[in-house]
Amino acid sequence: MFSLNPTNRAEQVLYSSCGQKKCKDGPAPEAGLMNVKGALDGTMMEGGAHRRGTVFVIDRKIRGERVLYSFCGQEKCADGDHAVAGLIDVKCMLYGTMEDGGASGHGTVLSLDPATGTETVLYSFCSRRECVDSAWPKAGLIDVKGWLL
């Protein structure tokens, strides 16, 4: 992760992830970072305790990184895995989508309390033909008057 001053074109490395699947932080940032009260929150598609992705925060002042949550490594894990979309911050809660995992193995919408690291699945996408929702979400969410779209 880096910062770039567009005026003088100066680049500054904020954090370098380890680059291997077995790392605590993860090797594959897929989405952009989000500024939450001066800290940068983001997701890694792989890595973490179970090698299925993480939510992390970078403290820009000390250039340190901390994993807020590691996604499960079990087949069709209920909390989801493979974060390819960014997060949003709504009233100090983080919300996002996971491409895989969930009750049917086809992705989830989740919330994460960054203060406690508590993750909650709000929705699991269906995999059956009769389902009217979709599967394998790759896009992020937006907040419109309290609704996540």
N, C-alpha and C. Protein backbone atom coordinates (compact mmCIF):
# COMPACT_ATOMS: atom_id res chain seq x y z
N MET A 1 0.84 -1.15 0.00
CA MET A 1 0.00 0.00 0.00
C MET A 1 0.90 1.23 0.00
N PHE A 2 0.50 2.25 -0.74
CA PHE A 2 1.34 3.42 -0.87
C PHE A 2 0.48 4.68 -0.90
N SER A 3 1.12 5.80 -0.70
CA SER A 3 0.46 7.09 -0.90
C SER A 3 1.25 7.84 -1.96
N LEU A 4 0.57 8.73 -2.68
CA LEU A 4 1.20 9.49 -3.75
C LEU A 4 0.74 10.94 -3.66
N ASN A 5 1.68 11.84 -3.58
CA ASN A 5 1.39 13.27 -3.59
C ASN A 5 1.30 13.70 -5.05
N PRO A 6 0.11 14.08 -5.53
CA PRO A 6 -0.01 14.41 -6.95
C PRO A 6 0.70 15.71 -7.34
N THR A 7 0.98 16.56 -6.38
CA THR A 7 1.64 17.82 -6.68
C THR A 7 3.11 17.62 -7.01
N ASN A 8 3.83 16.92 -6.11
CA ASN A 8 5.26 16.73 -6.36
C ASN A 8 5.61 15.30 -6.81
N ARG A 9 4.58 14.47 -6.98
CA ARG A 9 4.73 13.08 -7.44
C ARG A 9 5.57 12.22 -6.51
N ALA A 10 5.61 12.58 -5.25
CA ALA A 10 6.36 11.79 -4.26
C ALA A 10 5.51 10.61 -3.81
N GLU A 11 6.11 9.43 -3.84
CA GLU A 11 5.45 8.22 -3.39
C GLU A 11 6.01 7.80 -2.04
N GLN A 12 5.14 7.24 -1.20
CA GLN A 12 5.56 6.75 0.11
C GLN A 12 4.90 5.40 0.34
N VAL A 13 5.70 4.37 0.62
CA VAL A 13 5.17 3.05 0.93
C VAL A 13 4.64 3.08 2.35
N LEU A 14 3.35 2.74 2.51
CA LEU A 14 2.74 2.69 3.83
C LEU A 14 2.86 1.31 4.47
N TYR A 15 2.73 0.28 3.64
CA TYR A 15 2.80 -1.08 4.15
C TYR A 15 3.02 -2.04 2.99
N SER A 16 3.84 -3.05 3.20
CA SER A 16 4.06 -4.11 2.22
C SER A 16 3.59 -5.42 2.84
N SER A 17 2.61 -6.05 2.22
CA SER A 17 2.17 -7.35 2.72
C SER A 17 3.22 -8.40 2.37
N CYS A 18 3.15 -9.54 3.01
CA CYS A 18 4.24 -10.51 2.88
C CYS A 18 4.28 -11.18 1.52
N GLY A 19 3.17 -11.27 0.81
CA GLY A 19 3.20 -11.80 -0.55
C GLY A 19 3.09 -13.31 -0.68
N GLN A 20 2.81 -14.01 0.42
CA GLN A 20 2.65 -15.45 0.36
C GLN A 20 1.31 -15.84 0.95
N LYS A 21 0.70 -16.92 0.46
CA LYS A 21 -0.63 -17.33 0.91
C LYS A 21 -0.70 -17.65 2.40
N LYS A 22 0.39 -18.10 3.00
CA LYS A 22 0.35 -18.50 4.41
C LYS A 22 0.60 -17.34 5.37
N CYS A 23 0.64 -16.13 4.88
CA CYS A 23 0.92 -14.97 5.74
C CYS A 23 -0.29 -14.55 6.55
N LYS A 24 -0.01 -13.96 7.69
CA LYS A 24 -1.07 -13.48 8.57
C LYS A 24 -1.91 -12.40 7.91
N ASP A 25 -1.26 -11.52 7.14
CA ASP A 25 -1.99 -10.40 6.55
C ASP A 25 -2.60 -10.73 5.19
N GLY A 26 -1.96 -11.54 4.39
CA GLY A 26 -2.48 -11.89 3.08
C GLY A 26 -1.70 -11.26 1.95
N PRO A 27 -1.67 -11.96 0.80
CA PRO A 27 -0.85 -11.49 -0.32
C PRO A 27 -1.62 -10.83 -1.45
N ALA A 28 -2.92 -10.74 -1.37
CA ALA A 28 -3.68 -10.35 -2.56
C ALA A 28 -4.72 -9.27 -2.28
N PRO A 29 -4.29 -8.00 -2.20
CA PRO A 29 -5.30 -6.95 -2.05
C PRO A 29 -6.01 -6.76 -3.39
N GLU A 30 -7.33 -6.93 -3.42
CA GLU A 30 -8.09 -6.83 -4.65
C GLU A 30 -8.83 -5.50 -4.77
N ALA A 31 -9.17 -4.90 -3.66
CA ALA A 31 -10.01 -3.69 -3.68
C ALA A 31 -9.24 -2.51 -3.11
N GLY A 32 -9.80 -1.34 -3.28
CA GLY A 32 -9.19 -0.14 -2.75
C GLY A 32 -9.29 -0.04 -1.24
N LEU A 33 -8.56 0.90 -0.69
CA LEU A 33 -8.59 1.17 0.74
C LEU A 33 -9.66 2.20 1.06
N MET A 34 -10.07 2.24 2.33
CA MET A 34 -11.06 3.18 2.79
C MET A 34 -10.51 3.91 4.00
N ASN A 35 -10.61 5.23 4.02
CA ASN A 35 -10.14 6.04 5.13
C ASN A 35 -11.22 6.10 6.21
N VAL A 36 -10.92 5.56 7.37
CA VAL A 36 -11.84 5.60 8.51
C VAL A 36 -11.11 6.24 9.67
N LYS A 37 -11.42 7.48 9.93
CA LYS A 37 -10.82 8.23 11.04
C LYS A 37 -9.29 8.22 10.98
N GLY A 38 -8.73 8.38 9.78
CA GLY A 38 -7.28 8.44 9.61
C GLY A 38 -6.59 7.10 9.43
N ALA A 39 -7.31 6.00 9.67
CA ALA A 39 -6.75 4.67 9.43
C ALA A 39 -7.27 4.17 8.08
N LEU A 40 -6.55 3.25 7.47
CA LEU A 40 -6.94 2.71 6.17
C LEU A 40 -7.40 1.27 6.34
N ASP A 41 -8.66 1.03 6.02
CA ASP A 41 -9.22 -0.31 6.11
C ASP A 41 -9.29 -0.92 4.71
N GLY A 42 -9.08 -2.23 4.62
CA GLY A 42 -9.14 -2.90 3.34
C GLY A 42 -9.30 -4.39 3.49
N THR A 43 -9.29 -5.08 2.36
CA THR A 43 -9.46 -6.53 2.35
C THR A 43 -8.34 -7.18 1.54
N MET A 44 -8.03 -8.40 1.91
CA MET A 44 -7.12 -9.25 1.15
C MET A 44 -7.91 -10.47 0.70
N MET A 45 -7.74 -10.84 -0.54
CA MET A 45 -8.47 -11.98 -1.08
C MET A 45 -7.98 -13.31 -0.52
N GLU A 46 -6.72 -13.38 -0.18
CA GLU A 46 -6.13 -14.62 0.34
C GLU A 46 -5.40 -14.31 1.65
N GLY A 47 -4.77 -15.32 2.21
CA GLY A 47 -4.00 -15.15 3.43
C GLY A 47 -4.86 -15.16 4.67
N GLY A 48 -4.27 -14.79 5.76
CA GLY A 48 -4.95 -14.81 7.04
C GLY A 48 -4.79 -16.15 7.73
N ALA A 49 -5.44 -16.29 8.86
CA ALA A 49 -5.30 -17.50 9.68
C ALA A 49 -5.73 -18.76 8.94
N HIS A 50 -6.70 -18.65 8.02
CA HIS A 50 -7.20 -19.83 7.31
C HIS A 50 -6.94 -19.77 5.80
N ARG A 51 -6.15 -18.78 5.38
CA ARG A 51 -5.76 -18.59 3.98
C ARG A 51 -6.93 -18.29 3.06
N ARG A 52 -8.02 -17.69 3.58
CA ARG A 52 -9.20 -17.38 2.79
C ARG A 52 -9.51 -15.90 2.74
N GLY A 53 -8.57 -15.07 3.20
CA GLY A 53 -8.76 -13.63 3.12
C GLY A 53 -8.90 -12.97 4.48
N THR A 54 -8.70 -11.67 4.48
CA THR A 54 -8.74 -10.89 5.72
C THR A 54 -9.39 -9.53 5.50
N VAL A 55 -9.78 -8.94 6.61
CA VAL A 55 -10.06 -7.51 6.69
C VAL A 55 -8.96 -6.95 7.57
N PHE A 56 -8.33 -5.86 7.13
CA PHE A 56 -7.20 -5.31 7.86
C PHE A 56 -7.32 -3.80 8.00
N VAL A 57 -6.51 -3.25 8.89
CA VAL A 57 -6.42 -1.80 9.06
C VAL A 57 -4.94 -1.43 9.08
N ILE A 58 -4.62 -0.32 8.42
CA ILE A 58 -3.26 0.20 8.42
C ILE A 58 -3.26 1.53 9.15
N ASP A 59 -2.38 1.66 10.14
CA ASP A 59 -2.19 2.93 10.84
C ASP A 59 -1.15 3.71 10.06
N ARG A 60 -1.56 4.79 9.44
CA ARG A 60 -0.66 5.56 8.57
C ARG A 60 0.47 6.22 9.34
N LYS A 61 0.25 6.55 10.60
CA LYS A 61 1.29 7.22 11.39
C LYS A 61 2.47 6.31 11.68
N ILE A 62 2.19 5.06 12.02
CA ILE A 62 3.28 4.14 12.37
C ILE A 62 3.57 3.13 11.25
N ARG A 63 2.79 3.21 10.17
CA ARG A 63 2.92 2.29 9.04
C ARG A 63 2.80 0.83 9.48
N GLY A 64 1.95 0.59 10.42
CA GLY A 64 1.72 -0.77 10.90
C GLY A 64 0.38 -1.29 10.44
N GLU A 65 0.26 -2.60 10.30
CA GLU A 65 -0.96 -3.24 9.85
C GLU A 65 -1.46 -4.19 10.92
N ARG A 66 -2.79 -4.28 11.04
CA ARG A 66 -3.41 -5.20 12.01
C ARG A 66 -4.58 -5.88 11.32
N VAL A 67 -4.64 -7.20 11.44
CA VAL A 67 -5.76 -7.96 10.87
C VAL A 67 -6.94 -7.83 11.82
N LEU A 68 -8.07 -7.36 11.29
CA LEU A 68 -9.30 -7.25 12.08
C LEU A 68 -10.07 -8.57 12.08
N TYR A 69 -10.00 -9.30 10.95
CA TYR A 69 -10.76 -10.54 10.84
C TYR A 69 -10.13 -11.42 9.77
N SER A 70 -10.02 -12.72 10.05
CA SER A 70 -9.58 -13.73 9.08
C SER A 70 -10.76 -14.60 8.72
N PHE A 71 -11.02 -14.73 7.43
CA PHE A 71 -12.15 -15.54 6.99
C PHE A 71 -11.82 -17.02 7.06
N CYS A 72 -12.86 -17.81 7.21
CA CYS A 72 -12.75 -19.26 7.44
C CYS A 72 -12.19 -20.00 6.24
N GLY A 73 -11.55 -21.11 6.49
CA GLY A 73 -10.96 -21.90 5.43
C GLY A 73 -11.72 -23.17 5.12
N GLN A 74 -12.88 -23.37 5.69
CA GLN A 74 -13.66 -24.58 5.46
C GLN A 74 -14.46 -24.45 4.17
N GLU A 75 -14.76 -25.58 3.55
CA GLU A 75 -15.61 -25.59 2.37
C GLU A 75 -16.97 -24.99 2.72
N LYS A 76 -17.43 -24.06 1.92
CA LYS A 76 -18.71 -23.37 2.14
C LYS A 76 -18.78 -22.77 3.54
N CYS A 77 -17.72 -22.19 3.98
CA CYS A 77 -17.67 -21.60 5.32
C CYS A 77 -18.75 -20.54 5.47
N ALA A 78 -19.41 -20.54 6.58
CA ALA A 78 -20.55 -19.66 6.79
C ALA A 78 -20.22 -18.18 6.71
N ASP A 79 -19.00 -17.77 7.08
CA ASP A 79 -18.69 -16.35 7.08
C ASP A 79 -18.21 -15.83 5.72
N GLY A 80 -18.01 -16.70 4.77
CA GLY A 80 -17.58 -16.28 3.44
C GLY A 80 -16.08 -16.31 3.30
N ASP A 81 -15.62 -16.21 2.06
CA ASP A 81 -14.19 -16.11 1.80
C ASP A 81 -13.96 -15.45 0.45
N HIS A 82 -12.73 -15.03 0.22
CA HIS A 82 -12.29 -14.34 -0.99
C HIS A 82 -12.95 -12.97 -1.17
N ALA A 83 -12.43 -12.02 -0.46
CA ALA A 83 -12.90 -10.63 -0.58
C ALA A 83 -12.31 -10.00 -1.84
N VAL A 84 -13.14 -9.70 -2.80
CA VAL A 84 -12.66 -9.03 -4.01
C VAL A 84 -13.18 -7.60 -4.11
N ALA A 85 -14.13 -7.24 -3.28
CA ALA A 85 -14.70 -5.89 -3.29
C ALA A 85 -14.25 -5.13 -2.04
N GLY A 86 -14.32 -3.83 -2.12
CA GLY A 86 -13.98 -2.99 -0.99
C GLY A 86 -15.07 -2.96 0.06
N LEU A 87 -14.77 -2.31 1.15
CA LEU A 87 -15.70 -2.16 2.26
C LEU A 87 -16.32 -0.77 2.24
N ILE A 88 -17.42 -0.61 2.96
CA ILE A 88 -17.95 0.72 3.23
C ILE A 88 -18.10 0.87 4.73
N ASP A 89 -18.05 2.11 5.20
CA ASP A 89 -18.21 2.43 6.61
C ASP A 89 -19.55 3.13 6.79
N VAL A 90 -20.43 2.55 7.60
CA VAL A 90 -21.73 3.15 7.90
C VAL A 90 -21.87 3.19 9.41
N LYS A 91 -21.79 4.39 9.97
CA LYS A 91 -21.95 4.57 11.42
C LYS A 91 -21.02 3.67 12.22
N CYS A 92 -19.75 3.66 11.84
CA CYS A 92 -18.68 2.92 12.53
C CYS A 92 -18.78 1.41 12.40
N MET A 93 -19.55 0.92 11.45
CA MET A 93 -19.58 -0.51 11.11
C MET A 93 -19.10 -0.65 9.68
N LEU A 94 -18.34 -1.71 9.42
CA LEU A 94 -17.87 -2.00 8.07
C LEU A 94 -18.81 -3.00 7.42
N TYR A 95 -19.11 -2.78 6.13
CA TYR A 95 -19.97 -3.68 5.38
C TYR A 95 -19.28 -4.06 4.08
N GLY A 96 -19.49 -5.29 3.63
CA GLY A 96 -18.88 -5.73 2.40
C GLY A 96 -19.48 -7.01 1.88
N THR A 97 -18.96 -7.46 0.75
CA THR A 97 -19.40 -8.71 0.15
C THR A 97 -18.20 -9.65 0.04
N MET A 98 -18.50 -10.93 0.12
CA MET A 98 -17.49 -11.97 -0.06
C MET A 98 -17.90 -12.79 -1.28
N GLU A 99 -16.96 -13.06 -2.16
CA GLU A 99 -17.27 -13.75 -3.41
C GLU A 99 -17.71 -15.20 -3.20
N ASP A 100 -17.13 -15.88 -2.25
CA ASP A 100 -17.43 -17.29 -2.02
C ASP A 100 -17.90 -17.49 -0.57
N GLY A 101 -18.19 -18.73 -0.26
CA GLY A 101 -18.59 -19.09 1.10
C GLY A 101 -20.05 -18.79 1.36
N GLY A 102 -20.42 -18.80 2.62
CA GLY A 102 -21.81 -18.62 3.00
C GLY A 102 -22.54 -19.94 3.05
N ALA A 103 -23.82 -19.90 3.35
CA ALA A 103 -24.62 -21.11 3.53
C ALA A 103 -24.63 -22.02 2.30
N SER A 104 -24.61 -21.43 1.10
CA SER A 104 -24.64 -22.22 -0.13
C SER A 104 -23.30 -22.24 -0.86
N GLY A 105 -22.31 -21.52 -0.32
CA GLY A 105 -21.01 -21.48 -0.97
C GLY A 105 -20.92 -20.47 -2.10
N HIS A 106 -21.90 -19.57 -2.19
CA HIS A 106 -21.96 -18.64 -3.32
C HIS A 106 -21.87 -17.18 -2.91
N GLY A 107 -21.30 -16.91 -1.74
CA GLY A 107 -21.03 -15.54 -1.34
C GLY A 107 -21.93 -15.02 -0.23
N THR A 108 -21.49 -13.93 0.37
CA THR A 108 -22.21 -13.34 1.49
C THR A 108 -22.17 -11.82 1.44
N VAL A 109 -23.08 -11.21 2.18
CA VAL A 109 -23.02 -9.81 2.56
C VAL A 109 -22.79 -9.84 4.07
N LEU A 110 -21.83 -9.04 4.54
CA LEU A 110 -21.47 -9.12 5.95
C LEU A 110 -21.28 -7.75 6.57
N SER A 111 -21.30 -7.75 7.89
CA SER A 111 -20.92 -6.56 8.66
C SER A 111 -19.77 -6.97 9.57
N LEU A 112 -18.94 -5.98 9.90
CA LEU A 112 -17.80 -6.23 10.78
C LEU A 112 -17.65 -5.03 11.70
N ASP A 113 -17.64 -5.30 12.99
CA ASP A 113 -17.41 -4.25 13.98
C ASP A 113 -15.90 -4.12 14.17
N PRO A 114 -15.31 -3.02 13.69
CA PRO A 114 -13.85 -2.91 13.79
C PRO A 114 -13.34 -2.79 15.22
N ALA A 115 -14.19 -2.37 16.14
CA ALA A 115 -13.78 -2.24 17.53
C ALA A 115 -13.60 -3.60 18.21
N THR A 116 -14.44 -4.57 17.82
CA THR A 116 -14.41 -5.88 18.48
C THR A 116 -13.93 -7.01 17.56
N GLY A 117 -13.93 -6.78 16.25
CA GLY A 117 -13.59 -7.83 15.30
C GLY A 117 -14.72 -8.82 15.08
N THR A 118 -15.93 -8.48 15.53
CA THR A 118 -17.09 -9.36 15.39
C THR A 118 -17.67 -9.24 13.99
N GLU A 119 -17.75 -10.37 13.28
CA GLU A 119 -18.28 -10.41 11.94
C GLU A 119 -19.66 -11.06 11.98
N THR A 120 -20.60 -10.51 11.21
CA THR A 120 -21.96 -11.05 11.15
C THR A 120 -22.37 -11.19 9.68
N VAL A 121 -22.84 -12.37 9.30
CA VAL A 121 -23.35 -12.55 7.95
C VAL A 121 -24.77 -12.00 7.91
N LEU A 122 -25.00 -11.06 7.03
CA LEU A 122 -26.33 -10.47 6.87
C LEU A 122 -27.14 -11.22 5.82
N TYR A 123 -26.44 -11.82 4.86
CA TYR A 123 -27.13 -12.54 3.79
C TYR A 123 -26.17 -13.52 3.13
N SER A 124 -26.67 -14.71 2.83
CA SER A 124 -25.93 -15.70 2.04
C SER A 124 -26.63 -15.87 0.70
N PHE A 125 -25.88 -15.75 -0.38
CA PHE A 125 -26.48 -15.89 -1.70
C PHE A 125 -26.80 -17.34 -1.98
N CYS A 126 -27.85 -17.56 -2.76
CA CYS A 126 -28.37 -18.89 -3.06
C CYS A 126 -27.71 -19.46 -4.30
N SER A 127 -27.71 -20.77 -4.43
CA SER A 127 -27.08 -21.40 -5.58
C SER A 127 -28.07 -22.18 -6.45
N ARG A 128 -29.33 -22.21 -6.04
CA ARG A 128 -30.30 -23.01 -6.79
C ARG A 128 -30.93 -22.19 -7.92
N ARG A 129 -31.38 -22.86 -8.95
CA ARG A 129 -31.99 -22.19 -10.10
C ARG A 129 -33.24 -21.40 -9.73
N GLU A 130 -33.98 -21.87 -8.75
CA GLU A 130 -35.22 -21.19 -8.38
C GLU A 130 -34.98 -19.92 -7.54
N CYS A 131 -33.76 -19.64 -7.19
CA CYS A 131 -33.44 -18.44 -6.41
C CYS A 131 -33.50 -17.21 -7.30
N VAL A 132 -33.99 -16.13 -6.74
CA VAL A 132 -34.10 -14.89 -7.52
C VAL A 132 -32.91 -13.97 -7.30
N ASP A 133 -32.06 -14.28 -6.33
CA ASP A 133 -30.87 -13.45 -6.12
C ASP A 133 -29.77 -13.91 -7.07
N SER A 134 -28.60 -13.54 -6.78
CA SER A 134 -27.48 -13.88 -7.65
C SER A 134 -26.50 -14.75 -6.88
N ALA A 135 -25.29 -14.84 -7.38
CA ALA A 135 -24.26 -15.60 -6.70
C ALA A 135 -22.91 -14.98 -7.02
N TRP A 136 -21.93 -15.26 -6.19
CA TRP A 136 -20.55 -14.83 -6.37
C TRP A 136 -20.42 -13.31 -6.54
N PRO A 137 -20.85 -12.52 -5.55
CA PRO A 137 -20.76 -11.06 -5.69
C PRO A 137 -19.32 -10.59 -5.76
N LYS A 138 -19.06 -9.71 -6.71
CA LYS A 138 -17.72 -9.16 -6.89
C LYS A 138 -17.69 -7.65 -6.65
N ALA A 139 -18.83 -7.02 -6.59
CA ALA A 139 -18.90 -5.57 -6.43
C ALA A 139 -19.11 -5.21 -4.97
N GLY A 140 -18.73 -3.99 -4.64
CA GLY A 140 -18.93 -3.48 -3.30
C GLY A 140 -20.35 -3.00 -3.09
N LEU A 141 -20.60 -2.51 -1.91
CA LEU A 141 -21.92 -2.01 -1.53
C LEU A 141 -21.91 -0.49 -1.48
N ILE A 142 -23.10 0.09 -1.53
CA ILE A 142 -23.28 1.51 -1.22
C ILE A 142 -24.42 1.62 -0.22
N ASP A 143 -24.42 2.67 0.55
CA ASP A 143 -25.47 2.93 1.54
C ASP A 143 -26.38 4.01 0.98
N VAL A 144 -27.67 3.69 0.81
CA VAL A 144 -28.65 4.66 0.35
C VAL A 144 -29.78 4.70 1.37
N LYS A 145 -29.76 5.73 2.20
CA LYS A 145 -30.80 5.94 3.22
C LYS A 145 -31.00 4.71 4.10
N GLY A 146 -29.88 4.09 4.51
CA GLY A 146 -29.96 2.95 5.41
C GLY A 146 -30.09 1.60 4.72
N TRP A 147 -30.21 1.59 3.42
CA TRP A 147 -30.28 0.33 2.66
C TRP A 147 -28.93 0.06 2.02
N LEU A 148 -28.49 -1.18 2.08
CA LEU A 148 -27.23 -1.56 1.43
C LEU A 148 -27.57 -2.06 0.03
N LEU A 149 -27.01 -1.40 -0.95
CA LEU A 149 -27.27 -1.78 -2.36
C LEU A 149 -25.97 -2.23 -3.00
